[in-house]
N, C-alpha and C. Protein backbone atom coordinates (compact mmCIF):
# COMPACT_ATOMS: atom_id res chain seq x y z
N MET A 1 36.01 24.64 -37.91
CA MET A 1 35.80 25.45 -36.65
C MET A 1 35.53 24.23 -35.87
N THR A 2 35.76 23.90 -34.50
CA THR A 2 35.47 22.97 -33.76
C THR A 2 34.27 23.12 -32.65
N LYS A 3 33.40 22.33 -32.01
CA LYS A 3 32.42 22.66 -30.98
C LYS A 3 32.75 21.59 -29.90
N ASP A 4 32.10 21.89 -28.46
CA ASP A 4 32.83 21.14 -27.77
C ASP A 4 31.37 20.09 -27.46
N LEU A 5 31.47 18.90 -27.21
CA LEU A 5 30.82 17.71 -26.94
C LEU A 5 30.99 17.77 -25.38
N SER A 6 29.89 16.91 -24.78
CA SER A 6 29.67 16.46 -23.13
C SER A 6 29.75 14.81 -22.87
N PHE A 7 30.67 14.57 -22.99
CA PHE A 7 30.57 12.89 -23.12
C PHE A 7 30.41 12.34 -21.16
N ASP A 8 29.30 11.60 -20.99
CA ASP A 8 29.19 11.10 -19.85
C ASP A 8 29.71 9.89 -20.05
N VAL A 9 30.40 8.70 -19.31
CA VAL A 9 31.30 7.62 -19.41
C VAL A 9 30.79 6.77 -18.48
N TYR A 10 29.68 6.14 -18.63
CA TYR A 10 29.48 4.98 -17.60
C TYR A 10 29.81 3.38 -17.63
N PHE A 11 30.43 3.22 -16.57
CA PHE A 11 30.77 1.59 -16.27
C PHE A 11 29.48 0.64 -15.84
N SER A 12 29.50 -0.55 -16.89
CA SER A 12 28.13 -1.41 -16.28
C SER A 12 28.66 -2.48 -15.10
N ASN A 13 29.94 -2.05 -14.06
CA ASN A 13 29.97 -2.83 -13.16
C ASN A 13 31.79 -2.20 -12.97
N GLU A 14 31.89 -2.82 -11.53
CA GLU A 14 33.57 -2.26 -11.56
C GLU A 14 34.22 -3.20 -12.26
N GLN A 15 33.81 -4.43 -12.71
CA GLN A 15 34.42 -5.12 -13.30
C GLN A 15 35.19 -4.23 -14.75
N ALA A 16 34.30 -4.03 -15.60
CA ALA A 16 34.23 -2.78 -16.38
C ALA A 16 34.84 -1.38 -16.44
N HIS A 17 34.78 -0.98 -14.96
CA HIS A 17 35.74 0.15 -14.72
C HIS A 17 37.01 -0.19 -14.73
N ALA A 18 37.30 -1.30 -13.68
CA ALA A 18 38.54 -1.63 -13.84
C ALA A 18 39.32 -1.92 -15.27
N ARG A 19 38.71 -2.69 -16.15
CA ARG A 19 39.40 -2.82 -17.66
C ARG A 19 39.26 -1.58 -18.00
N PHE A 20 38.51 -0.65 -17.67
CA PHE A 20 38.61 0.49 -19.10
C PHE A 20 39.37 1.75 -18.06
N GLY A 21 39.76 1.52 -16.98
CA GLY A 21 40.47 2.67 -16.32
C GLY A 21 39.41 4.13 -15.85
N ASP A 22 40.71 4.95 -15.52
CA ASP A 22 40.39 6.23 -15.43
C ASP A 22 41.13 7.14 -16.26
N GLY A 23 40.74 8.35 -15.96
CA GLY A 23 41.83 9.19 -16.39
C GLY A 23 42.68 9.26 -17.83
N LYS A 24 43.83 9.23 -17.89
CA LYS A 24 44.64 8.66 -19.29
C LYS A 24 44.00 7.58 -19.90
N THR A 25 44.12 6.46 -18.91
CA THR A 25 44.10 5.34 -19.46
C THR A 25 42.65 4.95 -19.90
N LEU A 26 41.54 5.53 -19.38
CA LEU A 26 40.13 5.54 -20.26
C LEU A 26 39.92 6.63 -21.58
N ALA A 27 40.98 7.81 -21.51
CA ALA A 27 41.11 8.67 -22.63
C ALA A 27 41.37 7.80 -23.62
N GLU A 28 42.70 7.05 -23.65
CA GLU A 28 43.16 6.19 -24.72
C GLU A 28 42.09 5.01 -25.23
N HIS A 29 41.56 4.39 -24.29
CA HIS A 29 40.41 3.60 -24.66
C HIS A 29 39.46 4.43 -25.52
N LEU A 30 39.05 5.33 -25.33
CA LEU A 30 38.04 6.03 -25.86
C LEU A 30 38.61 6.71 -27.29
N ARG A 31 39.61 7.17 -27.33
CA ARG A 31 40.43 7.58 -28.53
C ARG A 31 40.59 6.34 -29.35
N GLU A 32 40.42 4.82 -28.97
CA GLU A 32 40.70 3.76 -29.81
C GLU A 32 39.21 3.89 -30.39
N ILE A 33 38.36 3.76 -29.81
CA ILE A 33 36.84 3.22 -30.02
C ILE A 33 36.46 4.43 -30.85
N TYR A 34 36.79 5.64 -31.16
CA TYR A 34 36.20 6.65 -31.70
C TYR A 34 37.61 7.05 -32.51
N GLU A 35 38.10 6.35 -33.02
CA GLU A 35 38.94 6.62 -34.12
C GLU A 35 38.88 7.04 -35.59
N GLY A 36 39.52 7.77 -35.52
CA GLY A 36 38.74 8.25 -37.39
C GLY A 36 37.60 9.35 -37.13
N GLU A 37 37.21 9.53 -35.88
CA GLU A 37 36.32 10.54 -35.70
C GLU A 37 36.67 11.91 -35.32
N ASP A 38 38.12 12.07 -36.04
CA ASP A 38 38.41 13.74 -35.36
C ASP A 38 38.41 14.37 -34.05
N LEU A 39 38.20 13.77 -33.20
CA LEU A 39 38.04 14.34 -31.66
C LEU A 39 38.91 14.18 -30.81
N VAL A 40 39.23 15.16 -29.90
CA VAL A 40 39.96 15.71 -29.09
C VAL A 40 39.97 15.32 -28.01
N PHE A 41 40.28 14.13 -27.32
CA PHE A 41 40.06 14.07 -25.79
C PHE A 41 41.14 14.72 -24.90
N PRO A 42 40.30 15.13 -23.64
CA PRO A 42 41.31 15.21 -22.72
C PRO A 42 41.93 13.63 -22.02
N ASP A 43 43.16 14.37 -20.85
CA ASP A 43 43.85 13.08 -20.30
C ASP A 43 43.04 13.61 -18.86
N THR A 44 42.37 14.84 -18.96
CA THR A 44 42.07 14.34 -17.51
C THR A 44 40.43 15.02 -17.45
N PHE A 45 39.85 14.45 -16.21
CA PHE A 45 38.47 14.97 -16.17
C PHE A 45 37.95 14.85 -15.02
N GLU A 46 36.76 15.25 -14.77
CA GLU A 46 36.05 14.81 -13.58
C GLU A 46 35.47 13.39 -13.42
N HIS A 47 34.89 13.08 -12.27
CA HIS A 47 34.09 12.20 -12.31
C HIS A 47 33.15 12.26 -10.86
N SER A 48 32.26 11.21 -10.55
CA SER A 48 31.44 11.09 -9.60
C SER A 48 31.80 10.61 -8.64
N ASP A 49 31.23 10.47 -7.59
CA ASP A 49 31.68 9.81 -6.16
C ASP A 49 31.18 8.31 -5.74
N THR A 50 30.76 8.28 -7.44
CA THR A 50 29.57 6.55 -7.15
C THR A 50 30.66 5.64 -7.58
N SER A 51 30.40 4.31 -7.31
CA SER A 51 31.10 3.75 -7.54
C SER A 51 29.90 1.85 -8.18
N PRO A 52 30.94 1.88 -9.58
CA PRO A 52 31.64 2.71 -10.14
C PRO A 52 31.69 4.24 -10.63
N PRO A 53 32.51 4.59 -10.74
CA PRO A 53 32.33 6.59 -11.01
C PRO A 53 31.84 6.21 -12.18
N VAL A 54 31.15 7.74 -12.62
CA VAL A 54 30.56 8.26 -13.94
C VAL A 54 31.66 9.33 -14.27
N GLN A 55 32.29 9.08 -15.77
CA GLN A 55 33.07 10.14 -15.76
C GLN A 55 33.02 11.51 -16.63
N TYR A 56 32.93 12.09 -16.49
CA TYR A 56 32.53 13.76 -17.65
C TYR A 56 33.54 14.23 -18.05
N LEU A 57 33.45 14.15 -19.50
CA LEU A 57 34.57 14.74 -20.37
C LEU A 57 33.97 15.84 -21.43
N THR A 58 34.39 16.67 -22.22
CA THR A 58 34.33 17.66 -22.60
C THR A 58 35.34 17.12 -23.79
N VAL A 59 34.44 17.30 -24.92
CA VAL A 59 35.25 16.58 -26.20
C VAL A 59 35.42 17.59 -27.23
N GLU A 60 36.54 17.93 -27.80
CA GLU A 60 35.91 18.94 -29.11
C GLU A 60 36.54 17.92 -30.53
N ALA A 61 35.11 18.81 -30.84
CA ALA A 61 34.78 17.51 -32.27
C ALA A 61 34.80 18.79 -33.49
N PRO A 62 34.85 18.17 -34.70
CA PRO A 62 34.37 18.53 -36.00
C PRO A 62 33.15 19.62 -35.69
N ASP A 63 32.98 21.13 -36.38
CA ASP A 63 31.67 21.39 -36.60
C ASP A 63 30.82 21.00 -36.87
N ASP A 64 30.73 20.45 -38.38
CA ASP A 64 30.43 19.31 -39.02
C ASP A 64 29.91 17.86 -38.38
N MET A 65 30.16 17.82 -36.91
CA MET A 65 29.79 16.03 -37.07
C MET A 65 28.84 16.71 -36.10
N THR A 66 28.01 15.34 -36.18
CA THR A 66 26.35 15.06 -35.19
C THR A 66 26.77 14.55 -34.71
N VAL A 67 25.80 14.43 -33.22
CA VAL A 67 25.93 13.77 -31.77
C VAL A 67 25.13 12.04 -32.48
N GLU A 68 24.47 12.27 -33.59
CA GLU A 68 23.95 10.92 -34.17
C GLU A 68 25.05 10.46 -34.74
N GLU A 69 25.60 10.72 -35.35
CA GLU A 69 27.29 9.86 -35.97
C GLU A 69 27.68 9.37 -34.74
N LEU A 70 28.01 9.91 -34.27
CA LEU A 70 28.66 9.33 -32.85
C LEU A 70 28.77 7.85 -32.36
N TYR A 71 26.89 8.44 -32.56
CA TYR A 71 26.23 7.17 -31.43
C TYR A 71 26.43 5.82 -32.64
N GLU A 72 26.49 5.83 -33.24
CA GLU A 72 26.88 4.91 -34.57
C GLU A 72 27.86 4.14 -34.26
N VAL A 73 29.19 4.62 -33.23
CA VAL A 73 30.21 4.15 -33.09
C VAL A 73 30.03 3.07 -32.40
N GLU A 74 30.40 1.58 -32.30
CA GLU A 74 30.34 0.67 -31.59
C GLU A 74 30.93 0.79 -30.72
N VAL A 75 30.58 0.77 -28.76
CA VAL A 75 31.61 1.07 -27.68
C VAL A 75 31.37 -0.85 -26.91
N PRO A 76 32.70 -0.88 -26.92
CA PRO A 76 32.62 -2.34 -26.23
C PRO A 76 31.65 -2.80 -25.32
N PRO A 77 31.08 -3.54 -24.88
CA PRO A 77 30.44 -3.87 -23.53
C PRO A 77 30.88 -3.70 -22.23
N GLY A 78 30.33 -3.32 -21.50
CA GLY A 78 30.90 -2.59 -20.16
C GLY A 78 30.79 -1.10 -19.78
N LEU A 79 30.72 -0.45 -21.41
CA LEU A 79 30.65 1.11 -21.24
C LEU A 79 29.49 1.47 -22.20
N MET A 80 29.10 2.37 -21.50
CA MET A 80 27.90 2.97 -22.08
C MET A 80 28.04 4.80 -21.66
N VAL A 81 28.12 5.27 -23.35
CA VAL A 81 28.62 6.93 -23.56
C VAL A 81 27.21 7.59 -23.70
N ARG A 82 27.28 8.61 -23.33
CA ARG A 82 26.16 9.66 -23.43
C ARG A 82 26.89 11.00 -24.06
N ILE A 83 26.13 11.52 -25.10
CA ILE A 83 26.66 12.60 -25.59
C ILE A 83 25.76 13.33 -25.77
N GLU A 84 26.11 15.05 -25.73
CA GLU A 84 25.11 16.18 -25.80
C GLU A 84 26.34 17.03 -26.54
N GLU A 85 25.46 17.80 -27.22
CA GLU A 85 26.09 18.89 -27.73
C GLU A 85 26.41 19.98 -26.82
N LEU A 86 26.93 20.79 -26.43
CA LEU A 86 27.11 21.98 -25.56
C LEU A 86 26.72 23.18 -26.45
N PRO A 87 26.18 24.22 -25.57
CA PRO A 87 25.64 25.33 -25.85
C PRO A 87 27.52 26.15 -26.23
N GLN A 88 27.10 27.09 -27.74
CA GLN A 88 28.12 27.75 -27.96
C GLN A 88 28.30 29.04 -26.93
């Protein structure tokens, strides 16, 4: 079984946004960051109109995965990821 998690990705500045990118490029970076966690990241997702934008993803995770476990993953400088479990 799986569950859906909300990943809101924030960039510290425009330089970080340029480094990590949008859409498929950002999704590839997130797959590398969370490698081994058995998460399914979409290639396309919504974003805010701010500069730098906030990226909004719905990520598929194993049912037994906790948000706390994912917060233990080291995220590179320039990115901040807020994770919440979505209601079933």
